[in-house]
Each structure stands twice: as structure tokens, then as C-alpha cells.
Amino acid sequence: MRDAAFQLAQIVAADSRTRHVNFDWIEPARKVRIRIDQDEARRLGLSSESVAAVLNSVMTGAAITQMRDGIFLVDVVVRANDEQRVSLSTLRNLQFSLPNGRTVSLAQFATVEYEQDSR
């Protein structure tokens, strides 16, 4: 199948109307794997749900309020910028609030690493 894809890519690339033919399915994608030490998280008073909620709001965003645009209500979403979301050091240093009012970094109870997506 790959040979057929390469042949097709050559035909498409030969057309002057095309630029930058690429394959998004041949190369494995990188993804971030976060492994939480459940014992340490529980000792700190963190639940899996609270950790997931913070990570989700950093990565995909969380609606914090709404604004009116004519007759529509539009969510205002807050999240980390692109550079912060792909930086492992930024993720490792992400602060989590503990029930006692203190904060700890993600690195204190989890490992963060890149992994190849196996498609």
C-alpha cells in the first residue's frame, strides 16, 4: 500500500498546482504520556479526577465565563498557549493545588514523556 501511496504522491507532486505533498499517516505521531503515581497522588490528597480536570483545562481549555454577541452567548475559554502545551518541562512544572492550600508540581507525583503513537 505504501508503494502505491508513494507513486500517487509523485503523480500529484508533478502537477504545478500542488505544493508540499506530505503523508500524515506514514510517520508515527508523537504524543505525551503522563503516568501518575496513584499512591503518591493519594498521599498528597489529589484524585484522578482533579488531576485530569487541571490537565484538560491546560491542554484543551476551560470555559470561565460567557459573553453576549448579539443574541448569542459565546464561551470565553482559557488555556495554556501552544508553546506551553508542547513543552515537557512546562508540563512537569505545572502546579496543582492541594487540599491544605499548598501546591505541588506534576513532577512530584507523575512522569511526563514523549511516546510514539503506534497506529
N, C-alpha and C. Protein backbone atom coordinates (compact mmCIF):
# COMPACT_ATOMS: atom_id res chain seq x y z
N MET A 1 0.81 -1.18 0.00
CA MET A 1 0.00 0.00 0.00
C MET A 1 0.87 1.26 0.00
N ARG A 2 1.99 1.20 0.76
CA ARG A 2 2.87 2.37 0.80
C ARG A 2 3.44 2.69 -0.57
N ASP A 3 3.80 1.65 -1.32
CA ASP A 3 4.34 1.87 -2.68
C ASP A 3 3.32 2.60 -3.55
N ALA A 4 2.07 2.18 -3.45
CA ALA A 4 1.02 2.84 -4.23
C ALA A 4 0.86 4.30 -3.79
N ALA A 5 0.96 4.54 -2.48
CA ALA A 5 0.85 5.91 -1.97
C ALA A 5 2.00 6.77 -2.46
N PHE A 6 3.21 6.23 -2.48
CA PHE A 6 4.36 6.99 -2.98
C PHE A 6 4.22 7.29 -4.47
N GLN A 7 3.72 6.33 -5.23
CA GLN A 7 3.52 6.56 -6.67
C GLN A 7 2.47 7.65 -6.90
N LEU A 8 1.40 7.59 -6.17
CA LEU A 8 0.36 8.61 -6.29
C LEU A 8 0.91 9.98 -5.88
N ALA A 9 1.71 10.02 -4.82
CA ALA A 9 2.30 11.28 -4.38
C ALA A 9 3.20 11.88 -5.46
N GLN A 10 3.93 11.04 -6.17
CA GLN A 10 4.79 11.53 -7.25
C GLN A 10 3.94 12.13 -8.38
N ILE A 11 2.84 11.48 -8.70
CA ILE A 11 1.95 12.00 -9.76
C ILE A 11 1.36 13.33 -9.34
N VAL A 12 0.88 13.41 -8.10
CA VAL A 12 0.28 14.65 -7.60
C VAL A 12 1.34 15.75 -7.53
N ALA A 13 2.54 15.44 -7.06
CA ALA A 13 3.60 16.44 -6.92
C ALA A 13 4.07 16.96 -8.27
N ALA A 14 3.91 16.18 -9.33
CA ALA A 14 4.33 16.60 -10.66
C ALA A 14 3.43 17.71 -11.21
N ASP A 15 2.24 17.84 -10.69
CA ASP A 15 1.32 18.88 -11.14
C ASP A 15 1.79 20.22 -10.57
N SER A 16 1.89 21.23 -11.39
CA SER A 16 2.40 22.54 -10.97
C SER A 16 1.46 23.26 -9.99
N ARG A 17 0.25 22.81 -9.87
CA ARG A 17 -0.71 23.45 -8.96
C ARG A 17 -0.59 22.94 -7.53
N THR A 18 0.27 21.96 -7.29
CA THR A 18 0.40 21.40 -5.94
C THR A 18 1.73 21.81 -5.32
N ARG A 19 1.73 21.85 -4.01
CA ARG A 19 2.95 22.13 -3.24
C ARG A 19 2.96 21.27 -1.99
N HIS A 20 4.13 20.90 -1.57
CA HIS A 20 4.33 20.22 -0.28
C HIS A 20 3.43 19.00 -0.08
N VAL A 21 3.57 18.02 -0.92
CA VAL A 21 2.83 16.77 -0.73
C VAL A 21 3.43 16.08 0.49
N ASN A 22 2.59 15.72 1.43
CA ASN A 22 3.10 15.03 2.62
C ASN A 22 2.14 13.93 3.03
N PHE A 23 2.63 13.08 3.90
CA PHE A 23 1.87 11.94 4.39
C PHE A 23 1.65 12.12 5.89
N ASP A 24 0.41 12.11 6.31
CA ASP A 24 0.16 12.23 7.74
C ASP A 24 -0.14 10.88 8.38
N TRP A 25 0.01 9.83 7.62
CA TRP A 25 -0.30 8.51 8.17
C TRP A 25 0.88 7.56 8.10
N ILE A 26 1.95 7.92 7.43
CA ILE A 26 3.10 7.01 7.33
C ILE A 26 3.99 7.12 8.55
N GLU A 27 4.29 8.34 8.96
CA GLU A 27 5.17 8.55 10.09
C GLU A 27 4.36 8.47 11.39
N PRO A 28 4.89 7.77 12.39
CA PRO A 28 4.18 7.74 13.66
C PRO A 28 4.20 9.12 14.32
N ALA A 29 3.11 9.44 14.94
CA ALA A 29 2.99 10.75 15.60
C ALA A 29 3.52 10.65 17.03
N ARG A 30 4.04 11.77 17.51
CA ARG A 30 4.47 11.82 18.91
C ARG A 30 3.29 12.22 19.77
N LYS A 31 3.23 11.63 20.94
CA LYS A 31 2.21 12.03 21.90
C LYS A 31 2.86 12.10 23.28
N VAL A 32 2.24 12.82 24.15
CA VAL A 32 2.74 12.97 25.51
C VAL A 32 2.05 11.94 26.38
N ARG A 33 2.85 11.19 27.12
CA ARG A 33 2.32 10.18 28.05
C ARG A 33 2.59 10.67 29.46
N ILE A 34 1.54 10.76 30.26
CA ILE A 34 1.65 11.16 31.66
C ILE A 34 1.26 9.96 32.51
N ARG A 35 2.23 9.48 33.28
CA ARG A 35 1.99 8.32 34.16
C ARG A 35 1.95 8.82 35.60
N ILE A 36 0.79 8.70 36.20
CA ILE A 36 0.58 9.22 37.56
C ILE A 36 0.85 8.11 38.57
N ASP A 37 1.67 8.42 39.55
CA ASP A 37 1.90 7.53 40.69
C ASP A 37 0.69 7.69 41.61
N GLN A 38 -0.24 6.77 41.49
CA GLN A 38 -1.51 6.89 42.21
C GLN A 38 -1.32 6.93 43.72
N ASP A 39 -0.36 6.17 44.24
CA ASP A 39 -0.12 6.18 45.69
C ASP A 39 0.34 7.56 46.16
N GLU A 40 1.27 8.16 45.41
CA GLU A 40 1.77 9.49 45.78
C GLU A 40 0.68 10.54 45.62
N ALA A 41 -0.10 10.46 44.56
CA ALA A 41 -1.20 11.42 44.35
C ALA A 41 -2.20 11.33 45.50
N ARG A 42 -2.56 10.12 45.89
CA ARG A 42 -3.49 9.95 47.01
C ARG A 42 -2.90 10.49 48.31
N ARG A 43 -1.60 10.25 48.53
CA ARG A 43 -0.94 10.75 49.74
C ARG A 43 -0.99 12.27 49.80
N LEU A 44 -0.90 12.91 48.63
CA LEU A 44 -0.97 14.37 48.57
C LEU A 44 -2.40 14.89 48.65
N GLY A 45 -3.38 14.00 48.50
CA GLY A 45 -4.78 14.41 48.56
C GLY A 45 -5.38 14.73 47.20
N LEU A 46 -4.72 14.25 46.14
CA LEU A 46 -5.21 14.51 44.78
C LEU A 46 -5.95 13.29 44.24
N SER A 47 -7.06 13.53 43.59
CA SER A 47 -7.80 12.45 42.95
C SER A 47 -7.46 12.41 41.47
N SER A 48 -7.72 11.30 40.84
CA SER A 48 -7.51 11.20 39.39
C SER A 48 -8.36 12.21 38.65
N GLU A 49 -9.57 12.44 39.15
CA GLU A 49 -10.48 13.39 38.51
C GLU A 49 -9.94 14.82 38.58
N SER A 50 -9.39 15.20 39.73
CA SER A 50 -8.89 16.57 39.86
C SER A 50 -7.65 16.78 38.99
N VAL A 51 -6.78 15.78 38.91
CA VAL A 51 -5.59 15.87 38.05
C VAL A 51 -6.02 15.95 36.59
N ALA A 52 -6.98 15.11 36.20
CA ALA A 52 -7.46 15.12 34.82
C ALA A 52 -8.11 16.46 34.48
N ALA A 53 -8.85 17.05 35.41
CA ALA A 53 -9.50 18.33 35.15
C ALA A 53 -8.48 19.44 34.91
N VAL A 54 -7.42 19.48 35.71
CA VAL A 54 -6.38 20.51 35.52
C VAL A 54 -5.67 20.30 34.20
N LEU A 55 -5.27 19.06 33.90
CA LEU A 55 -4.58 18.78 32.64
C LEU A 55 -5.47 19.10 31.45
N ASN A 56 -6.74 18.76 31.55
CA ASN A 56 -7.67 19.04 30.46
C ASN A 56 -7.82 20.54 30.23
N SER A 57 -7.90 21.31 31.31
CA SER A 57 -8.06 22.76 31.14
C SER A 57 -6.80 23.39 30.57
N VAL A 58 -5.63 22.86 30.90
CA VAL A 58 -4.38 23.39 30.34
C VAL A 58 -4.27 23.04 28.86
N MET A 59 -4.60 21.81 28.52
CA MET A 59 -4.39 21.35 27.15
C MET A 59 -5.51 21.78 26.20
N THR A 60 -6.75 21.60 26.58
CA THR A 60 -7.85 21.90 25.66
C THR A 60 -8.64 23.14 26.03
N GLY A 61 -8.50 23.57 27.28
CA GLY A 61 -9.16 24.79 27.70
C GLY A 61 -10.37 24.53 28.58
N ALA A 62 -10.76 25.57 29.28
CA ALA A 62 -11.95 25.50 30.13
C ALA A 62 -12.71 26.81 29.99
N ALA A 63 -14.02 26.71 29.86
CA ALA A 63 -14.86 27.91 29.77
C ALA A 63 -14.92 28.55 31.16
N ILE A 64 -14.54 29.84 31.22
CA ILE A 64 -14.55 30.52 32.52
C ILE A 64 -15.69 31.51 32.66
N THR A 65 -16.26 31.92 31.55
CA THR A 65 -17.41 32.83 31.57
C THR A 65 -18.02 32.84 30.17
N GLN A 66 -19.03 33.65 29.99
CA GLN A 66 -19.65 33.82 28.68
C GLN A 66 -19.82 35.30 28.38
N MET A 67 -19.80 35.61 27.10
CA MET A 67 -20.05 36.98 26.64
C MET A 67 -21.21 36.95 25.67
N ARG A 68 -21.95 38.03 25.66
CA ARG A 68 -23.07 38.12 24.73
C ARG A 68 -22.59 38.76 23.44
N ASP A 69 -22.92 38.13 22.31
CA ASP A 69 -22.63 38.67 20.98
C ASP A 69 -23.97 38.71 20.25
N GLY A 70 -24.61 39.84 20.32
CA GLY A 70 -25.96 39.93 19.74
C GLY A 70 -26.91 39.08 20.56
N ILE A 71 -27.50 38.08 19.91
CA ILE A 71 -28.42 37.18 20.61
C ILE A 71 -27.73 35.90 21.07
N PHE A 72 -26.42 35.79 20.81
CA PHE A 72 -25.69 34.56 21.14
C PHE A 72 -24.83 34.74 22.39
N LEU A 73 -24.72 33.67 23.18
CA LEU A 73 -23.77 33.63 24.28
C LEU A 73 -22.55 32.85 23.79
N VAL A 74 -21.37 33.46 23.94
CA VAL A 74 -20.14 32.85 23.47
C VAL A 74 -19.26 32.55 24.67
N ASP A 75 -18.78 31.30 24.77
CA ASP A 75 -17.89 30.92 25.87
C ASP A 75 -16.54 31.61 25.74
N VAL A 76 -16.00 32.06 26.87
CA VAL A 76 -14.63 32.55 26.94
C VAL A 76 -13.81 31.41 27.51
N VAL A 77 -12.85 30.94 26.73
CA VAL A 77 -12.08 29.76 27.10
C VAL A 77 -10.66 30.17 27.44
N VAL A 78 -10.14 29.64 28.54
CA VAL A 78 -8.77 29.90 28.95
C VAL A 78 -7.99 28.59 28.84
N ARG A 79 -6.75 28.69 28.31
CA ARG A 79 -5.87 27.52 28.25
C ARG A 79 -4.45 28.01 28.06
N ALA A 80 -3.51 27.10 28.22
CA ALA A 80 -2.09 27.43 28.03
C ALA A 80 -1.85 27.70 26.55
N ASN A 81 -0.82 28.51 26.26
CA ASN A 81 -0.52 28.78 24.85
C ASN A 81 0.15 27.55 24.22
N ASP A 82 0.29 27.58 22.90
CA ASP A 82 0.81 26.42 22.17
C ASP A 82 2.18 25.98 22.66
N GLU A 83 3.06 26.93 22.90
CA GLU A 83 4.42 26.61 23.34
C GLU A 83 4.40 25.89 24.69
N GLN A 84 3.56 26.34 25.58
CA GLN A 84 3.48 25.73 26.90
C GLN A 84 2.87 24.33 26.85
N ARG A 85 1.96 24.10 25.92
CA ARG A 85 1.29 22.81 25.85
C ARG A 85 2.16 21.72 25.27
N VAL A 86 3.21 22.06 24.52
CA VAL A 86 4.07 21.03 23.94
C VAL A 86 5.40 20.90 24.65
N SER A 87 5.64 21.72 25.64
CA SER A 87 6.89 21.69 26.39
C SER A 87 6.77 20.72 27.57
N LEU A 88 7.60 19.69 27.57
CA LEU A 88 7.55 18.74 28.69
C LEU A 88 7.96 19.40 30.00
N SER A 89 8.92 20.31 29.95
CA SER A 89 9.35 20.96 31.20
C SER A 89 8.22 21.82 31.77
N THR A 90 7.45 22.47 30.90
CA THR A 90 6.32 23.26 31.39
C THR A 90 5.28 22.36 32.02
N LEU A 91 4.99 21.22 31.39
CA LEU A 91 4.02 20.29 31.96
C LEU A 91 4.52 19.74 33.29
N ARG A 92 5.79 19.38 33.36
CA ARG A 92 6.34 18.84 34.62
C ARG A 92 6.23 19.86 35.75
N ASN A 93 6.35 21.14 35.42
CA ASN A 93 6.29 22.19 36.44
C ASN A 93 4.89 22.72 36.70
N LEU A 94 3.89 22.17 36.03
CA LEU A 94 2.51 22.60 36.23
C LEU A 94 2.12 22.39 37.69
N GLN A 95 1.57 23.44 38.30
CA GLN A 95 1.25 23.42 39.73
C GLN A 95 -0.18 22.93 39.98
N PHE A 96 -0.31 22.08 41.00
CA PHE A 96 -1.60 21.55 41.42
C PHE A 96 -1.87 21.99 42.85
N SER A 97 -3.07 22.50 43.09
CA SER A 97 -3.45 22.92 44.44
C SER A 97 -3.83 21.71 45.26
N LEU A 98 -3.31 21.66 46.47
CA LEU A 98 -3.62 20.58 47.40
C LEU A 98 -4.74 21.01 48.35
N PRO A 99 -5.42 20.06 48.97
CA PRO A 99 -6.50 20.42 49.90
C PRO A 99 -6.03 21.29 51.06
N ASN A 100 -4.74 21.20 51.45
CA ASN A 100 -4.24 22.00 52.57
C ASN A 100 -3.82 23.41 52.16
N GLY A 101 -4.05 23.79 50.88
CA GLY A 101 -3.73 25.12 50.41
C GLY A 101 -2.36 25.25 49.76
N ARG A 102 -1.51 24.27 49.91
CA ARG A 102 -0.19 24.30 49.27
C ARG A 102 -0.31 23.85 47.82
N THR A 103 0.77 23.97 47.07
CA THR A 103 0.79 23.49 45.69
C THR A 103 1.99 22.58 45.48
N VAL A 104 1.85 21.66 44.53
CA VAL A 104 2.95 20.78 44.13
C VAL A 104 2.98 20.73 42.61
N SER A 105 4.16 20.44 42.08
CA SER A 105 4.29 20.31 40.63
C SER A 105 3.89 18.90 40.20
N LEU A 106 3.51 18.77 38.95
CA LEU A 106 3.14 17.47 38.40
C LEU A 106 4.28 16.47 38.54
N ALA A 107 5.52 16.94 38.43
CA ALA A 107 6.69 16.06 38.52
C ALA A 107 6.81 15.37 39.87
N GLN A 108 6.16 15.89 40.91
CA GLN A 108 6.25 15.27 42.22
C GLN A 108 5.42 14.00 42.34
N PHE A 109 4.46 13.81 41.43
CA PHE A 109 3.64 12.61 41.53
C PHE A 109 3.38 11.94 40.18
N ALA A 110 4.10 12.37 39.14
CA ALA A 110 3.88 11.78 37.81
C ALA A 110 5.15 11.90 36.97
N THR A 111 5.25 11.04 35.96
CA THR A 111 6.31 11.16 34.97
C THR A 111 5.68 11.62 33.67
N VAL A 112 6.39 12.48 32.96
CA VAL A 112 5.91 13.03 31.70
C VAL A 112 6.95 12.75 30.64
N GLU A 113 6.53 12.12 29.53
CA GLU A 113 7.49 11.78 28.48
C GLU A 113 6.78 11.71 27.12
N TYR A 114 7.59 11.88 26.07
CA TYR A 114 7.07 11.68 24.74
C TYR A 114 7.03 10.19 24.43
N GLU A 115 6.09 9.82 23.59
CA GLU A 115 5.93 8.43 23.16
C GLU A 115 5.52 8.43 21.71
N GLN A 116 5.91 7.40 20.97
CA GLN A 116 5.49 7.26 19.58
C GLN A 116 4.11 6.63 19.53
N ASP A 117 3.24 7.24 18.75
CA ASP A 117 1.90 6.71 18.56
C ASP A 117 2.00 5.50 17.64
N SER A 118 1.48 4.38 18.09
CA SER A 118 1.55 3.16 17.26
C SER A 118 0.23 2.98 16.54
N ARG A 119 0.22 3.44 15.31
CA ARG A 119 -1.01 3.33 14.50
C ARG A 119 -0.95 2.08 13.67
